[in-house]
């Protein structure tokens, strides 16, 4: 029997690799069109003005501080790791399907809609893997909308989108293993109070009129994810932290955002007499401008005597192994769905041929 051909698309926001205004302009315009317009009504004529202003601001800021994003390079490396792990897997489903693993992005090339258009013509099915653990209209929701646009009525038959990763106990375990492996043990010997700030992207709580947002923001999921991770850390026998706080990275437009900010966490730790703080961006699978630049800068400017930034899970082998196993599960589910569709179609054809 001929093998089916499946694609796995590892997708994230994407940030420009080479910092130029020419590269920033199209990226920022896409952000305003796709994300900002879900929060605030932006007239089409203002999109370019807002986007180009933001591009110029980021260009000047990043250039002054010699910042270059590592997001695309990290996602590309993660994609290759996942491809190698799937290739070496002994899973039974791989005897029935051939799999290619591709990287793609919302805001820089190769764009997700272009990748899915090509995949739709060449592959029997696709598993889309948004590299953000908590779903919202601004993250995984972008991928889902693009899937609907490209596949329309065939989306259930042809596509699986990996989701609810934040609920997976194995991810929590991997995060804890990574965190305690990376934490600087010299903090412990100092006998000081040590705080942990878990950084995640904040979300909209109320719009400008004081009403709940009309789009799905993942607010409850963000809170539940933090509580799960805090419990996991505090109950771990390796724990060195006296307390764990949520640290949200918020935007400034659209209304009221999550109150548990990085700045608030720092202030509370300072008020409570802490002099050592560790920061870990658990809400992102790869470092980006919000983590390795903005959040890290806040940490460096904080008043604590001892501070450590632990990078995102990035290239941690256990993470790639876990994500590959989740992807293989989805490949098997997609194959089973297609087999059911084909069996049903064959049965209908036999009935029609027999005149039943």
C-alpha atoms as a PDB file:
ATOM      1  CA  UNK A   1       0.000   0.000   0.000  1.00  0.00           C
ATOM      2  CA  UNK A   2       1.306   3.458  -0.930  1.00  0.00           C
ATOM      3  CA  UNK A   3       2.298   5.608   2.019  1.00  0.00           C
ATOM      4  CA  UNK A   4       0.502   8.863   2.703  1.00  0.00           C
ATOM      5  CA  UNK A   5       2.589  12.022   2.713  1.00  0.00           C
ATOM      6  CA  UNK A   6       2.170  14.334   5.705  1.00  0.00           C
ATOM      7  CA  UNK A   7       3.718  17.678   6.628  1.00  0.00           C
ATOM      8  CA  UNK A   8       4.402  18.977  10.125  1.00  0.00           C
ATOM      9  CA  UNK A   9       4.572  22.783  10.315  1.00  0.00           C
ATOM     10  CA  UNK A  10       6.344  24.302  13.330  1.00  0.00           C
ATOM     11  CA  UNK A  11       5.000  27.856  13.488  1.00  0.00           C
ATOM     12  CA  UNK A  12       5.651  30.879  15.685  1.00  0.00           C
ATOM     13  CA  UNK A  13       5.336  34.654  15.435  1.00  0.00           C
ATOM     14  CA  UNK A  14       8.682  35.297  13.812  1.00  0.00           C
ATOM     15  CA  UNK A  15      10.927  38.349  14.154  1.00  0.00           C
ATOM     16  CA  UNK A  16      13.323  39.856  11.635  1.00  0.00           C
ATOM     17  CA  UNK A  17      16.782  38.278  11.690  1.00  0.00           C
ATOM     18  CA  UNK A  18      18.584  41.175  10.042  1.00  0.00           C
ATOM     19  CA  UNK A  19      17.668  44.442  11.724  1.00  0.00           C
ATOM     20  CA  UNK A  20      16.787  46.975   9.028  1.00  0.00           C
ATOM     21  CA  UNK A  21      13.808  49.244   8.586  1.00  0.00           C
ATOM     22  CA  UNK A  22      13.132  47.589   5.229  1.00  0.00           C
ATOM     23  CA  UNK A  23      12.726  44.262   7.039  1.00  0.00           C
ATOM     24  CA  UNK A  24      10.790  45.682  10.001  1.00  0.00           C
ATOM     25  CA  UNK A  25       8.135  47.521   7.983  1.00  0.00           C
ATOM     26  CA  UNK A  26       6.305  44.512   6.454  1.00  0.00           C
ATOM     27  CA  UNK A  27       6.608  42.530   9.683  1.00  0.00           C
ATOM     28  CA  UNK A  28       5.105  45.253  11.854  1.00  0.00           C
ATOM     29  CA  UNK A  29       2.341  45.967   9.321  1.00  0.00           C
ATOM     30  CA  UNK A  30       1.301  42.310   9.500  1.00  0.00           C
ATOM     31  CA  UNK A  31       1.257  42.487  13.306  1.00  0.00           C
ATOM     32  CA  UNK A  32      -1.087  45.476  13.237  1.00  0.00           C
ATOM     33  CA  UNK A  33      -3.350  43.824  10.657  1.00  0.00           C
ATOM     34  CA  UNK A  34      -3.503  40.417  12.366  1.00  0.00           C
ATOM     35  CA  UNK A  35      -3.194  41.156  16.085  1.00  0.00           C
ATOM     36  CA  UNK A  36      -3.802  44.798  16.958  1.00  0.00           C
ATOM     37  CA  UNK A  37      -6.985  45.042  14.876  1.00  0.00           C
ATOM     38  CA  UNK A  38      -8.531  42.265  16.985  1.00  0.00           C
ATOM     39  CA  UNK A  39      -8.234  44.543  20.018  1.00  0.00           C
ATOM     40  CA  UNK A  40      -8.701  48.037  18.629  1.00  0.00           C
ATOM     41  CA  UNK A  41     -10.531  49.126  15.497  1.00  0.00           C
ATOM     42  CA  UNK A  42      -7.825  50.547  13.276  1.00  0.00           C
ATOM     43  CA  UNK A  43      -8.805  52.309  10.027  1.00  0.00           C
ATOM     44  CA  UNK A  44      -6.984  50.802   7.080  1.00  0.00           C
ATOM     45  CA  UNK A  45      -5.321  54.118   6.275  1.00  0.00           C
ATOM     46  CA  UNK A  46      -3.784  54.242   9.758  1.00  0.00           C
ATOM     47  CA  UNK A  47      -2.249  50.764   9.624  1.00  0.00           C
ATOM     48  CA  UNK A  48       0.808  51.879   7.715  1.00  0.00           C
ATOM     49  CA  UNK A  49       1.279  54.955   9.887  1.00  0.00           C
ATOM     50  CA  UNK A  50       1.069  52.986  13.155  1.00  0.00           C
ATOM     51  CA  UNK A  51       3.193  50.117  11.871  1.00  0.00           C
ATOM     52  CA  UNK A  52       5.908  52.331  10.445  1.00  0.00           C
ATOM     53  CA  UNK A  53       6.088  54.332  13.670  1.00  0.00           C
ATOM     54  CA  UNK A  54       6.502  51.119  15.669  1.00  0.00           C
ATOM     55  CA  UNK A  55       9.119  49.849  13.217  1.00  0.00           C
ATOM     56  CA  UNK A  56      11.156  53.017  13.579  1.00  0.00           C
ATOM     57  CA  UNK A  57      10.893  52.935  17.365  1.00  0.00           C
ATOM     58  CA  UNK A  58      12.006  49.297  17.533  1.00  0.00           C
ATOM     59  CA  UNK A  59      14.808  49.904  15.068  1.00  0.00           C
ATOM     60  CA  UNK A  60      16.262  52.766  17.088  1.00  0.00           C
ATOM     61  CA  UNK A  61      15.833  50.957  20.426  1.00  0.00           C
ATOM     62  CA  UNK A  62      17.290  47.625  19.274  1.00  0.00           C
ATOM     63  CA  UNK A  63      20.123  49.271  17.360  1.00  0.00           C
ATOM     64  CA  UNK A  64      21.117  51.388  20.365  1.00  0.00           C
ATOM     65  CA  UNK A  65      21.237  48.281  22.571  1.00  0.00           C
ATOM     66  CA  UNK A  66      22.781  45.964  19.949  1.00  0.00           C
ATOM     67  CA  UNK A  67      19.813  43.594  20.122  1.00  0.00           C
ATOM     68  CA  UNK A  68      19.245  40.998  17.410  1.00  0.00           C
ATOM     69  CA  UNK A  69      16.371  38.538  17.673  1.00  0.00           C
ATOM     70  CA  UNK A  70      17.203  34.845  17.940  1.00  0.00           C
ATOM     71  CA  UNK A  71      13.601  33.678  17.539  1.00  0.00           C
ATOM     72  CA  UNK A  72      13.687  32.504  13.909  1.00  0.00           C
ATOM     73  CA  UNK A  73      17.067  30.834  14.307  1.00  0.00           C
ATOM     74  CA  UNK A  74      15.860  29.033  17.444  1.00  0.00           C
ATOM     75  CA  UNK A  75      12.617  27.921  15.807  1.00  0.00           C
ATOM     76  CA  UNK A  76      14.561  26.663  12.805  1.00  0.00           C
ATOM     77  CA  UNK A  77      16.845  24.658  15.116  1.00  0.00           C
ATOM     78  CA  UNK A  78      13.846  23.257  17.005  1.00  0.00           C
ATOM     79  CA  UNK A  79      12.300  22.247  13.680  1.00  0.00           C
ATOM     80  CA  UNK A  80      15.420  20.313  12.686  1.00  0.00           C
ATOM     81  CA  UNK A  81      15.564  18.581  16.086  1.00  0.00           C
ATOM     82  CA  UNK A  82      11.930  17.519  15.820  1.00  0.00           C
ATOM     83  CA  UNK A  83      12.472  16.290  12.256  1.00  0.00           C
ATOM     84  CA  UNK A  84      15.412  14.140  13.363  1.00  0.00           C
ATOM     85  CA  UNK A  85      13.480  12.682  16.294  1.00  0.00           C
ATOM     86  CA  UNK A  86      10.469  11.813  14.131  1.00  0.00           C
ATOM     87  CA  UNK A  87      12.769  10.273  11.527  1.00  0.00           C
ATOM     88  CA  UNK A  88      14.359   8.032  14.172  1.00  0.00           C
ATOM     89  CA  UNK A  89      11.071   7.132  15.870  1.00  0.00           C
ATOM     90  CA  UNK A  90       9.916   3.518  15.936  1.00  0.00           C
ATOM     91  CA  UNK A  91       6.245   4.528  16.041  1.00  0.00           C
ATOM     92  CA  UNK A  92       3.997   2.245  14.021  1.00  0.00           C
ATOM     93  CA  UNK A  93       2.335   5.181  12.242  1.00  0.00           C
ATOM     94  CA  UNK A  94       5.599   5.929  10.403  1.00  0.00           C
ATOM     95  CA  UNK A  95       5.245   2.659   8.494  1.00  0.00           C
ATOM     96  CA  UNK A  96       2.139   4.151   6.885  1.00  0.00           C
ATOM     97  CA  UNK A  97       3.166   7.796   6.356  1.00  0.00           C
ATOM     98  CA  UNK A  98       6.171   9.789   5.180  1.00  0.00           C
ATOM     99  CA  UNK A  99       6.688  13.003   7.128  1.00  0.00           C
ATOM    100  CA  UNK A 100       8.387  16.293   6.269  1.00  0.00           C
ATOM    101  CA  UNK A 101       8.878  18.890   9.023  1.00  0.00           C
ATOM    102  CA  UNK A 102       8.836  22.585   8.025  1.00  0.00           C
ATOM    103  CA  UNK A 103       9.232  25.876   9.872  1.00  0.00           C
ATOM    104  CA  UNK A 104       6.901  28.808   9.238  1.00  0.00           C
ATOM    105  CA  UNK A 105       5.934  32.177  10.739  1.00  0.00           C
ATOM    106  CA  UNK A 106       3.054  34.626  11.143  1.00  0.00           C
ATOM    107  CA  UNK A 107       4.993  37.835  10.595  1.00  0.00           C
ATOM    108  CA  UNK A 108       8.134  37.016   8.595  1.00  0.00           C
ATOM    109  CA  UNK A 109       8.734  34.697   5.614  1.00  0.00           C
ATOM    110  CA  UNK A 110       8.060  31.896   5.068  1.00  0.00           C
ATOM    111  CA  UNK A 111       4.531  32.968   6.014  1.00  0.00           C
ATOM    112  CA  UNK A 112       2.188  30.323   7.378  1.00  0.00           C
ATOM    113  CA  UNK A 113      -0.505  30.951   4.751  1.00  0.00           C
ATOM    114  CA  UNK A 114       2.042  30.456   1.958  1.00  0.00           C
ATOM    115  CA  UNK A 115       3.413  27.291   3.546  1.00  0.00           C
ATOM    116  CA  UNK A 116      -0.064  25.808   4.041  1.00  0.00           C
ATOM    117  CA  UNK A 117      -1.061  26.664   0.462  1.00  0.00           C
ATOM    118  CA  UNK A 118       1.961  24.731  -0.805  1.00  0.00           C
ATOM    119  CA  UNK A 119       1.374  21.873   1.641  1.00  0.00           C
ATOM    120  CA  UNK A 120      -2.293  21.599   0.662  1.00  0.00           C
ATOM    121  CA  UNK A 121      -1.321  20.902  -2.947  1.00  0.00           C
ATOM    122  CA  UNK A 122       1.494  18.463  -2.229  1.00  0.00           C
ATOM    123  CA  UNK A 123       0.592  16.556   0.950  1.00  0.00           C
ATOM    124  CA  UNK A 124      -2.235  14.313   2.111  1.00  0.00           C
ATOM    125  CA  UNK A 125      -2.440  16.093   5.455  1.00  0.00           C
ATOM    126  CA  UNK A 126      -0.706  18.435   7.862  1.00  0.00           C
ATOM    127  CA  UNK A 127      -0.109  18.802  11.591  1.00  0.00           C
ATOM    128  CA  UNK A 128       0.280  22.471  12.600  1.00  0.00           C
ATOM    129  CA  UNK A 129       2.295  23.084  15.776  1.00  0.00           C
ATOM    130  CA  UNK A 130       1.950  26.631  17.222  1.00  0.00           C
ATOM    131  CA  UNK A 131       4.967  27.180  19.488  1.00  0.00           C
ATOM    132  CA  UNK A 132       3.059  28.967  22.252  1.00  0.00           C
ATOM    133  CA  UNK A 133       1.760  26.811  25.155  1.00  0.00           C
ATOM    134  CA  UNK A 134      -1.418  28.827  25.919  1.00  0.00           C
ATOM    135  CA  UNK A 135      -4.049  29.338  23.220  1.00  0.00           C
ATOM    136  CA  UNK A 136      -5.594  32.703  22.441  1.00  0.00           C
ATOM    137  CA  UNK A 137      -6.901  34.618  19.444  1.00  0.00           C
ATOM    138  CA  UNK A 138      -3.510  36.341  19.310  1.00  0.00           C
ATOM    139  CA  UNK A 139      -1.357  33.181  19.237  1.00  0.00           C
ATOM    140  CA  UNK A 140      -2.687  29.774  18.238  1.00  0.00           C
ATOM    141  CA  UNK A 141      -5.880  31.440  17.043  1.00  0.00           C
ATOM    142  CA  UNK A 142      -3.931  33.026  14.191  1.00  0.00           C
ATOM    143  CA  UNK A 143      -2.915  29.557  12.995  1.00  0.00           C
ATOM    144  CA  UNK A 144      -6.482  28.257  13.283  1.00  0.00           C
ATOM    145  CA  UNK A 145      -7.842  31.144  11.221  1.00  0.00           C
ATOM    146  CA  UNK A 146      -5.263  30.577   8.499  1.00  0.00           C
ATOM    147  CA  UNK A 147      -6.105  26.854   8.485  1.00  0.00           C
ATOM    148  CA  UNK A 148      -9.792  27.712   8.009  1.00  0.00           C
ATOM    149  CA  UNK A 149      -8.948  30.110   5.187  1.00  0.00           C
ATOM    150  CA  UNK A 150      -6.763  27.608   3.321  1.00  0.00           C
ATOM    151  CA  UNK A 151      -8.602  24.328   3.923  1.00  0.00           C
ATOM    152  CA  UNK A 152     -12.203  25.542   4.482  1.00  0.00           C
ATOM    153  CA  UNK A 153     -14.527  22.486   4.518  1.00  0.00           C
ATOM    154  CA  UNK A 154     -11.626  20.019   4.389  1.00  0.00           C
ATOM    155  CA  UNK A 155      -9.914  21.225   7.579  1.00  0.00           C
ATOM    156  CA  UNK A 156     -11.193  18.373   9.766  1.00  0.00           C
ATOM    157  CA  UNK A 157     -10.142  15.778   7.230  1.00  0.00           C
ATOM    158  CA  UNK A 158      -6.765  17.247   6.342  1.00  0.00           C
ATOM    159  CA  UNK A 159      -5.448  19.159   9.368  1.00  0.00           C
ATOM    160  CA  UNK A 160      -4.637  18.669  13.021  1.00  0.00           C
ATOM    161  CA  UNK A 161      -3.607  21.672  15.139  1.00  0.00           C
ATOM    162  CA  UNK A 162      -1.671  20.850  18.295  1.00  0.00           C
ATOM    163  CA  UNK A 163      -3.257  22.577  21.299  1.00  0.00           C
ATOM    164  CA  UNK A 164      -3.721  22.563  25.074  1.00  0.00           C
ATOM    165  CA  UNK A 165      -0.002  21.980  25.563  1.00  0.00           C
ATOM    166  CA  UNK A 166      -0.127  24.010  28.778  1.00  0.00           C
ATOM    167  CA  UNK A 167      -2.229  21.288  30.411  1.00  0.00           C
ATOM    168  CA  UNK A 168       0.293  18.503  29.801  1.00  0.00           C
ATOM    169  CA  UNK A 169       1.834  17.207  33.014  1.00  0.00           C
ATOM    170  CA  UNK A 170       4.876  16.006  31.080  1.00  0.00           C
ATOM    171  CA  UNK A 171       5.575  19.590  29.981  1.00  0.00           C
ATOM    172  CA  UNK A 172       5.379  20.737  33.605  1.00  0.00           C
ATOM    173  CA  UNK A 173       7.878  18.032  34.583  1.00  0.00           C
ATOM    174  CA  UNK A 174      10.248  18.998  31.757  1.00  0.00           C
ATOM    175  CA  UNK A 175      10.022  22.662  32.741  1.00  0.00           C
ATOM    176  CA  UNK A 176      10.893  21.777  36.349  1.00  0.00           C
ATOM    177  CA  UNK A 177      13.829  19.588  35.288  1.00  0.00           C
ATOM    178  CA  UNK A 178      15.149  22.355  33.040  1.00  0.00           C
ATOM    179  CA  UNK A 179      14.653  25.073  35.637  1.00  0.00           C
ATOM    180  CA  UNK A 180      16.442  23.249  38.451  1.00  0.00           C
ATOM    181  CA  UNK A 181      19.231  22.200  36.122  1.00  0.00           C
ATOM    182  CA  UNK A 182      19.864  25.795  35.067  1.00  0.00           C
ATOM    183  CA  UNK A 183      19.419  27.667  38.348  1.00  0.00           C
ATOM    184  CA  UNK A 184      22.641  28.978  39.861  1.00  0.00           C
ATOM    185  CA  UNK A 185      23.155  26.956  43.046  1.00  0.00           C
ATOM    186  CA  UNK A 186      25.333  29.682  44.593  1.00  0.00           C
ATOM    187  CA  UNK A 187      22.085  31.518  45.392  1.00  0.00           C
ATOM    188  CA  UNK A 188      21.206  28.760  47.835  1.00  0.00           C
ATOM    189  CA  UNK A 189      24.452  29.001  49.783  1.00  0.00           C
ATOM    190  CA  UNK A 190      23.968  32.707  50.451  1.00  0.00           C
ATOM    191  CA  UNK A 191      21.043  32.017  52.758  1.00  0.00           C
ATOM    192  CA  UNK A 192      18.953  34.785  51.209  1.00  0.00           C
ATOM    193  CA  UNK A 193      15.292  34.733  50.247  1.00  0.00           C
ATOM    194  CA  UNK A 194      15.005  33.637  46.605  1.00  0.00           C
ATOM    195  CA  UNK A 195      12.038  34.503  44.393  1.00  0.00           C
ATOM    196  CA  UNK A 196      11.091  33.051  41.014  1.00  0.00           C
ATOM    197  CA  UNK A 197       9.260  35.081  38.374  1.00  0.00           C
ATOM    198  CA  UNK A 198       7.573  32.975  35.696  1.00  0.00           C
ATOM    199  CA  UNK A 199       7.203  35.185  32.634  1.00  0.00           C
ATOM    200  CA  UNK A 200       4.348  34.840  30.158  1.00  0.00           C
ATOM    201  CA  UNK A 201       2.649  37.051  27.595  1.00  0.00           C
ATOM    202  CA  UNK A 202      -0.099  39.049  29.273  1.00  0.00           C
ATOM    203  CA  UNK A 203      -3.566  39.298  27.848  1.00  0.00           C
ATOM    204  CA  UNK A 204      -6.503  41.691  27.621  1.00  0.00           C
ATOM    205  CA  UNK A 205      -8.917  41.602  30.571  1.00  0.00           C
ATOM    206  CA  UNK A 206     -11.349  44.385  29.603  1.00  0.00           C
ATOM    207  CA  UNK A 207     -11.680  46.521  26.526  1.00  0.00           C
ATOM    208  CA  UNK A 208     -11.674  50.318  26.519  1.00  0.00           C
ATOM    209  CA  UNK A 209     -15.359  50.349  27.442  1.00  0.00           C
ATOM    210  CA  UNK A 210     -14.718  48.142  30.472  1.00  0.00           C
ATOM    211  CA  UNK A 211     -16.314  45.067  28.888  1.00  0.00           C
ATOM    212  CA  UNK A 212     -14.844  41.574  28.515  1.00  0.00           C
ATOM    213  CA  UNK A 213     -13.026  41.251  25.159  1.00  0.00           C
ATOM    214  CA  UNK A 214     -15.037  39.865  22.272  1.00  0.00           C
ATOM    215  CA  UNK A 215     -12.172  37.600  21.231  1.00  0.00           C
ATOM    216  CA  UNK A 216     -10.806  34.593  23.123  1.00  0.00           C
ATOM    217  CA  UNK A 217      -7.839  35.845  25.155  1.00  0.00           C
ATOM    218  CA  UNK A 218      -6.804  32.742  27.114  1.00  0.00           C
ATOM    219  CA  UNK A 219      -7.063  34.665  30.397  1.00  0.00           C
ATOM    220  CA  UNK A 220      -8.320  31.757  32.512  1.00  0.00           C
ATOM    221  CA  UNK A 221      -5.883  29.352  30.864  1.00  0.00           C
ATOM    222  CA  UNK A 222      -2.984  31.709  31.604  1.00  0.00           C
ATOM    223  CA  UNK A 223      -3.928  31.785  35.284  1.00  0.00           C
ATOM    224  CA  UNK A 224      -4.419  28.026  35.518  1.00  0.00           C
ATOM    225  CA  UNK A 225      -1.108  27.345  33.800  1.00  0.00           C
ATOM    226  CA  UNK A 226       0.705  29.517  36.341  1.00  0.00           C
ATOM    227  CA  UNK A 227      -0.959  27.815  39.303  1.00  0.00           C
ATOM    228  CA  UNK A 228       0.001  24.389  37.922  1.00  0.00           C
ATOM    229  CA  UNK A 229       3.612  25.417  37.435  1.00  0.00           C
ATOM    230  CA  UNK A 230       3.865  27.162  40.802  1.00  0.00           C
ATOM    231  CA  UNK A 231       2.597  24.036  42.557  1.00  0.00           C
ATOM    232  CA  UNK A 232       5.010  21.859  40.564  1.00  0.00           C
ATOM    233  CA  UNK A 233       7.990  24.057  41.505  1.00  0.00           C
ATOM    234  CA  UNK A 234       7.129  24.542  45.165  1.00  0.00           C
ATOM    235  CA  UNK A 235       6.480  20.828  45.780  1.00  0.00           C
ATOM    236  CA  UNK A 236       9.613  19.663  43.952  1.00  0.00           C
ATOM    237  CA  UNK A 237      12.255  18.236  46.346  1.00  0.00           C
ATOM    238  CA  UNK A 238      14.888  20.248  44.438  1.00  0.00           C
ATOM    239  CA  UNK A 239      13.097  23.534  45.079  1.00  0.00           C
ATOM    240  CA  UNK A 240      15.251  26.459  46.250  1.00  0.00           C
ATOM    241  CA  UNK A 241      12.606  29.190  45.917  1.00  0.00           C
ATOM    242  CA  UNK A 242      10.711  30.776  48.778  1.00  0.00           C
ATOM    243  CA  UNK A 243       7.910  31.957  46.487  1.00  0.00           C
ATOM    244  CA  UNK A 244       6.860  32.021  42.830  1.00  0.00           C
ATOM    245  CA  UNK A 245       5.054  34.901  41.119  1.00  0.00           C
ATOM    246  CA  UNK A 246       3.494  35.389  37.703  1.00  0.00           C
ATOM    247  CA  UNK A 247       5.147  38.034  35.510  1.00  0.00           C
ATOM    248  CA  UNK A 248       3.067  39.140  32.518  1.00  0.00           C
ATOM    249  CA  UNK A 249       4.484  41.097  29.600  1.00  0.00           C
ATOM    250  CA  UNK A 250       1.617  43.377  28.560  1.00  0.00           C
ATOM    251  CA  UNK A 251       0.864  45.674  25.656  1.00  0.00           C
ATOM    252  CA  UNK A 252      -0.401  49.190  26.303  1.00  0.00           C
ATOM    253  CA  UNK A 253      -3.351  49.517  23.911  1.00  0.00           C
ATOM    254  CA  UNK A 254      -6.880  48.174  23.819  1.00  0.00           C
ATOM    255  CA  UNK A 255      -7.940  48.469  27.451  1.00  0.00           C
ATOM    256  CA  UNK A 256      -7.024  46.784  30.747  1.00  0.00           C
ATOM    257  CA  UNK A 257      -4.380  44.065  30.643  1.00  0.00           C
ATOM    258  CA  UNK A 258      -3.426  41.399  33.195  1.00  0.00           C
ATOM    259  CA  UNK A 259      -2.428  42.964  36.495  1.00  0.00           C
ATOM    260  CA  UNK A 260       0.227  40.402  37.482  1.00  0.00           C
ATOM    261  CA  UNK A 261       3.079  42.080  35.617  1.00  0.00           C
ATOM    262  CA  UNK A 262       6.819  41.508  35.863  1.00  0.00           C
ATOM    263  CA  UNK A 263       7.143  44.947  37.482  1.00  0.00           C
ATOM    264  CA  UNK A 264       4.515  44.075  40.109  1.00  0.00           C
ATOM    265  CA  UNK A 265       6.260  40.793  40.909  1.00  0.00           C
ATOM    266  CA  UNK A 266       9.559  42.613  41.411  1.00  0.00           C
ATOM    267  CA  UNK A 267       7.930  45.235  43.633  1.00  0.00           C
ATOM    268  CA  UNK A 268       6.271  42.590  45.799  1.00  0.00           C
ATOM    269  CA  UNK A 269       9.503  40.634  46.189  1.00  0.00           C
ATOM    270  CA  UNK A 270      11.345  43.825  47.142  1.00  0.00           C
ATOM    271  CA  UNK A 271       8.658  44.752  49.686  1.00  0.00           C
ATOM    272  CA  UNK A 272       8.876  41.253  51.170  1.00  0.00           C
ATOM    273  CA  UNK A 273      12.621  41.495  51.714  1.00  0.00           C
ATOM    274  CA  UNK A 274      13.921  39.331  48.882  1.00  0.00           C
ATOM    275  CA  UNK A 275      17.415  40.030  47.578  1.00  0.00           C
ATOM    276  CA  UNK A 276      17.690  37.227  44.993  1.00  0.00           C
ATOM    277  CA  UNK A 277      15.402  36.731  41.984  1.00  0.00           C
ATOM    278  CA  UNK A 278      15.389  34.215  39.138  1.00  0.00           C
ATOM    279  CA  UNK A 279      13.401  34.838  35.943  1.00  0.00           C
ATOM    280  CA  UNK A 280      12.194  32.056  33.633  1.00  0.00           C
ATOM    281  CA  UNK A 281       9.922  32.735  30.597  1.00  0.00           C
ATOM    282  CA  UNK A 282       7.761  29.620  30.782  1.00  0.00           C
ATOM    283  CA  UNK A 283       5.056  31.097  28.541  1.00  0.00           C
ATOM    284  CA  UNK A 284       7.279  30.935  25.450  1.00  0.00           C
ATOM    285  CA  UNK A 285       8.966  27.964  23.780  1.00  0.00           C
ATOM    286  CA  UNK A 286      11.686  30.130  22.228  1.00  0.00           C
ATOM    287  CA  UNK A 287      13.416  33.327  23.264  1.00  0.00           C
ATOM    288  CA  UNK A 288      12.284  36.476  21.478  1.00  0.00           C
ATOM    289  CA  UNK A 289      12.311  40.245  21.905  1.00  0.00           C
ATOM    290  CA  UNK A 290       9.800  40.084  24.759  1.00  0.00           C
ATOM    291  CA  UNK A 291      11.865  37.597  26.747  1.00  0.00           C
ATOM    292  CA  UNK A 292      15.579  37.979  26.039  1.00  0.00           C
ATOM    293  CA  UNK A 293      15.349  41.755  25.565  1.00  0.00           C
ATOM    294  CA  UNK A 294      12.345  43.368  27.292  1.00  0.00           C
ATOM    295  CA  UNK A 295      11.859  41.022  30.267  1.00  0.00           C
ATOM    296  CA  UNK A 296      15.585  40.520  30.741  1.00  0.00           C
ATOM    297  CA  UNK A 297      16.150  44.282  30.689  1.00  0.00           C
ATOM    298  CA  UNK A 298      13.575  44.686  33.456  1.00  0.00           C
ATOM    299  CA  UNK A 299      15.442  42.069  35.476  1.00  0.00           C
ATOM    300  CA  UNK A 300      18.800  43.758  34.948  1.00  0.00           C
ATOM    301  CA  UNK A 301      17.349  47.085  36.118  1.00  0.00           C
ATOM    302  CA  UNK A 302      15.680  45.550  39.186  1.00  0.00           C
ATOM    303  CA  UNK A 303      17.077  46.378  42.671  1.00  0.00           C
ATOM    304  CA  UNK A 304      18.014  42.840  43.701  1.00  0.00           C
ATOM    305  CA  UNK A 305      21.594  41.979  44.645  1.00  0.00           C
ATOM    306  CA  UNK A 306      21.566  38.620  42.885  1.00  0.00           C
ATOM    307  CA  UNK A 307      19.542  37.919  39.756  1.00  0.00           C
ATOM    308  CA  UNK A 308      19.537  35.267  37.066  1.00  0.00           C
ATOM    309  CA  UNK A 309      17.789  35.024  33.723  1.00  0.00           C
ATOM    310  CA  UNK A 310      17.119  31.451  32.592  1.00  0.00           C
ATOM    311  CA  UNK A 311      16.502  31.330  28.865  1.00  0.00           C
ATOM    312  CA  UNK A 312      13.417  29.737  27.307  1.00  0.00           C
ATOM    313  CA  UNK A 313      13.295  25.985  26.867  1.00  0.00           C
ATOM    314  CA  UNK A 314      14.856  26.555  23.396  1.00  0.00           C
ATOM    315  CA  UNK A 315      17.138  23.572  22.650  1.00  0.00           C
ATOM    316  CA  UNK A 316      16.514  21.435  25.753  1.00  0.00           C
ATOM    317  CA  UNK A 317      16.572  17.808  24.459  1.00  0.00           C
ATOM    318  CA  UNK A 318      13.719  16.568  26.673  1.00  0.00           C
ATOM    319  CA  UNK A 319      11.466  19.304  25.339  1.00  0.00           C
ATOM    320  CA  UNK A 320      12.079  18.306  21.709  1.00  0.00           C
ATOM    321  CA  UNK A 321      11.480  14.650  22.598  1.00  0.00           C
ATOM    322  CA  UNK A 322       8.204  15.460  24.337  1.00  0.00           C
ATOM    323  CA  UNK A 323       6.940  17.685  21.522  1.00  0.00           C
ATOM    324  CA  UNK A 324       7.910  15.093  18.903  1.00  0.00           C
ATOM    325  CA  UNK A 325       5.895  12.459  20.771  1.00  0.00           C
ATOM    326  CA  UNK A 326       2.865  14.768  20.856  1.00  0.00           C
ATOM    327  CA  UNK A 327       3.220  15.381  17.120  1.00  0.00           C
ATOM    328  CA  UNK A 328       3.441  11.665  16.376  1.00  0.00           C
ATOM    329  CA  UNK A 329       0.198  11.160  18.333  1.00  0.00           C
ATOM    330  CA  UNK A 330      -1.473  13.728  16.078  1.00  0.00           C
ATOM    331  CA  UNK A 331      -0.084  12.082  12.949  1.00  0.00           C
ATOM    332  CA  UNK A 332      -1.697   8.820  14.057  1.00  0.00           C
ATOM    333  CA  UNK A 333      -5.012  10.556  14.793  1.00  0.00           C
ATOM    334  CA  UNK A 334      -4.973  12.294  11.408  1.00  0.00           C
ATOM    335  CA  UNK A 335      -4.282   9.002   9.659  1.00  0.00           C
ATOM    336  CA  UNK A 336      -7.150   7.297  11.530  1.00  0.00           C
ATOM    337  CA  UNK A 337      -9.537  10.122  10.619  1.00  0.00           C
ATOM    338  CA  UNK A 338      -8.596   9.892   6.946  1.00  0.00           C
ATOM    339  CA  UNK A 339      -8.967   6.115   6.961  1.00  0.00           C
ATOM    340  CA  UNK A 340     -12.482   6.531   8.375  1.00  0.00           C
ATOM    341  CA  UNK A 341     -13.352   9.170   5.753  1.00  0.00           C
ATOM    342  CA  UNK A 342     -12.078   6.939   2.969  1.00  0.00           C
ATOM    343  CA  UNK A 343     -13.940   3.884   4.271  1.00  0.00           C
ATOM    344  CA  UNK A 344     -17.148   5.891   4.416  1.00  0.00           C
ATOM    345  CA  UNK A 345     -16.615   7.234   0.886  1.00  0.00           C
ATOM    346  CA  UNK A 346     -15.938   3.732  -0.423  1.00  0.00           C
ATOM    347  CA  UNK A 347     -19.086   2.421   1.236  1.00  0.00           C
ATOM    348  CA  UNK A 348     -21.148   5.212  -0.302  1.00  0.00           C
ATOM    349  CA  UNK A 349     -19.690   4.499  -3.736  1.00  0.00           C
ATOM    350  CA  UNK A 350     -20.519   0.788  -3.429  1.00  0.00           C
ATOM    351  CA  UNK A 351     -24.088   1.643  -2.411  1.00  0.00           C
ATOM    352  CA  UNK A 352     -24.455   4.053  -5.326  1.00  0.00           C
ATOM    353  CA  UNK A 353     -23.017   1.516  -7.764  1.00  0.00           C
ATOM    354  CA  UNK A 354     -25.366  -1.160  -6.453  1.00  0.00           C
ATOM    355  CA  UNK A 355     -28.309   1.210  -6.701  1.00  0.00           C
ATOM    356  CA  UNK A 356     -29.114   0.899  -3.028  1.00  0.00           C
END
